[in-house]
Amino acid sequence: MLIYKLCLISKINMPKIFKKNKFALLGANIISIAIWIFLSSFLIQLITYENAPFYIYKLGELFKYLPPIWLTYYLWIVRKGFN
């Protein structure tokens, strides 16, 4: 019962501006993805070194591009951005 109540409390609704204006949602999505890619690229350059194994670079690419895909999926599919 406690877990169910915590799940209900933690459910966050989208702000009304995103429900009414799809261009605001699209703009927020693009800006957040651009900021994430910029910051993650900087962090990946700090962590990797010149002769790193190839899988380090592949993990860095996953770290860079997978969270924006999840964010886009959440905003547009799960939260029904088109409705």
Protein backbone atom coordinates (compact mmCIF):
# COMPACT_ATOMS: atom_id res chain seq x y z
CA MET A 1 0.00 0.00 0.00
CA LEU A 2 2.82 2.38 0.86
CA ILE A 3 4.56 1.69 -2.45
CA TYR A 4 1.32 2.40 -4.33
CA LYS A 5 0.94 5.76 -2.55
CA LEU A 6 4.55 6.67 -3.30
CA CYS A 7 4.00 5.85 -6.97
CA LEU A 8 0.93 8.09 -7.07
CA ILE A 9 2.76 10.94 -5.36
CA SER A 10 5.80 10.69 -7.61
CA LYS A 11 3.75 10.87 -10.81
CA ILE A 12 4.59 14.25 -12.30
CA ASN A 13 2.22 15.94 -14.71
CA MET A 14 3.45 17.97 -17.65
CA PRO A 15 3.12 21.75 -17.28
CA LYS A 16 0.09 23.25 -19.00
CA ILE A 17 2.21 25.21 -21.48
CA PHE A 18 3.47 21.92 -22.93
CA LYS A 19 -0.06 20.54 -23.18
CA LYS A 20 -1.32 23.64 -24.98
CA ASN A 21 1.71 24.55 -27.08
CA LYS A 22 3.52 21.71 -28.84
CA PHE A 23 6.22 24.06 -30.12
CA ALA A 24 7.19 24.82 -26.50
CA LEU A 25 7.50 21.09 -25.83
CA LEU A 26 9.56 20.62 -28.99
CA GLY A 27 11.79 23.58 -28.09
CA ALA A 28 12.32 22.32 -24.55
CA ASN A 29 13.15 18.88 -25.90
CA ILE A 30 15.69 20.23 -28.40
CA ILE A 31 17.33 22.55 -25.86
CA SER A 32 17.61 19.84 -23.22
CA ILE A 33 19.11 17.40 -25.75
CA ALA A 34 21.64 20.00 -26.93
CA ILE A 35 22.70 20.77 -23.35
CA TRP A 36 23.02 17.06 -22.54
CA ILE A 37 25.14 16.32 -25.62
CA PHE A 38 27.40 19.31 -24.93
CA LEU A 39 27.96 18.37 -21.27
CA SER A 40 28.32 14.65 -21.91
CA SER A 41 30.83 15.26 -24.74
CA PHE A 42 32.91 17.36 -22.38
CA LEU A 43 32.81 14.67 -19.69
CA ILE A 44 33.66 11.90 -22.15
CA GLN A 45 36.70 13.85 -23.38
CA LEU A 46 37.88 14.20 -19.79
CA ILE A 47 37.49 10.49 -19.05
CA THR A 48 38.83 8.90 -22.23
CA TYR A 49 42.50 8.83 -23.17
CA GLU A 50 44.30 8.48 -26.47
CA ASN A 51 44.90 4.74 -26.59
CA ALA A 52 41.69 3.65 -24.88
CA PRO A 53 40.08 0.37 -25.96
CA PHE A 54 37.32 0.65 -28.55
CA TYR A 55 34.59 -0.34 -26.08
CA ILE A 56 35.34 2.77 -23.99
CA TYR A 57 34.45 4.91 -26.99
CA LYS A 58 31.32 2.85 -27.66
CA LEU A 59 30.18 3.22 -24.04
CA GLY A 60 30.83 6.95 -24.32
CA GLU A 61 28.61 7.16 -27.38
CA LEU A 62 25.86 5.28 -25.54
CA PHE A 63 26.22 7.66 -22.59
CA LYS A 64 25.97 10.60 -24.97
CA TYR A 65 22.96 9.61 -27.08
CA LEU A 66 20.82 7.16 -25.11
CA PRO A 67 19.43 9.57 -22.44
CA PRO A 68 18.13 12.06 -25.06
CA ILE A 69 16.32 9.20 -26.80
CA TRP A 70 14.75 8.18 -23.50
CA LEU A 71 13.74 11.81 -22.81
CA THR A 72 12.14 12.15 -26.22
CA TYR A 73 10.31 8.86 -25.80
CA TYR A 74 9.05 9.96 -22.36
CA LEU A 75 7.87 13.41 -23.46
CA TRP A 76 6.21 12.44 -26.73
CA ILE A 77 5.03 8.85 -26.28
CA VAL A 78 4.54 8.19 -22.58
CA ARG A 79 3.22 11.68 -21.75
CA LYS A 80 1.31 11.80 -25.06
CA GLY A 81 2.84 15.01 -26.37
CA PHE A 82 0.70 14.92 -29.51
CA ASN A 83 -2.65 14.76 -27.68
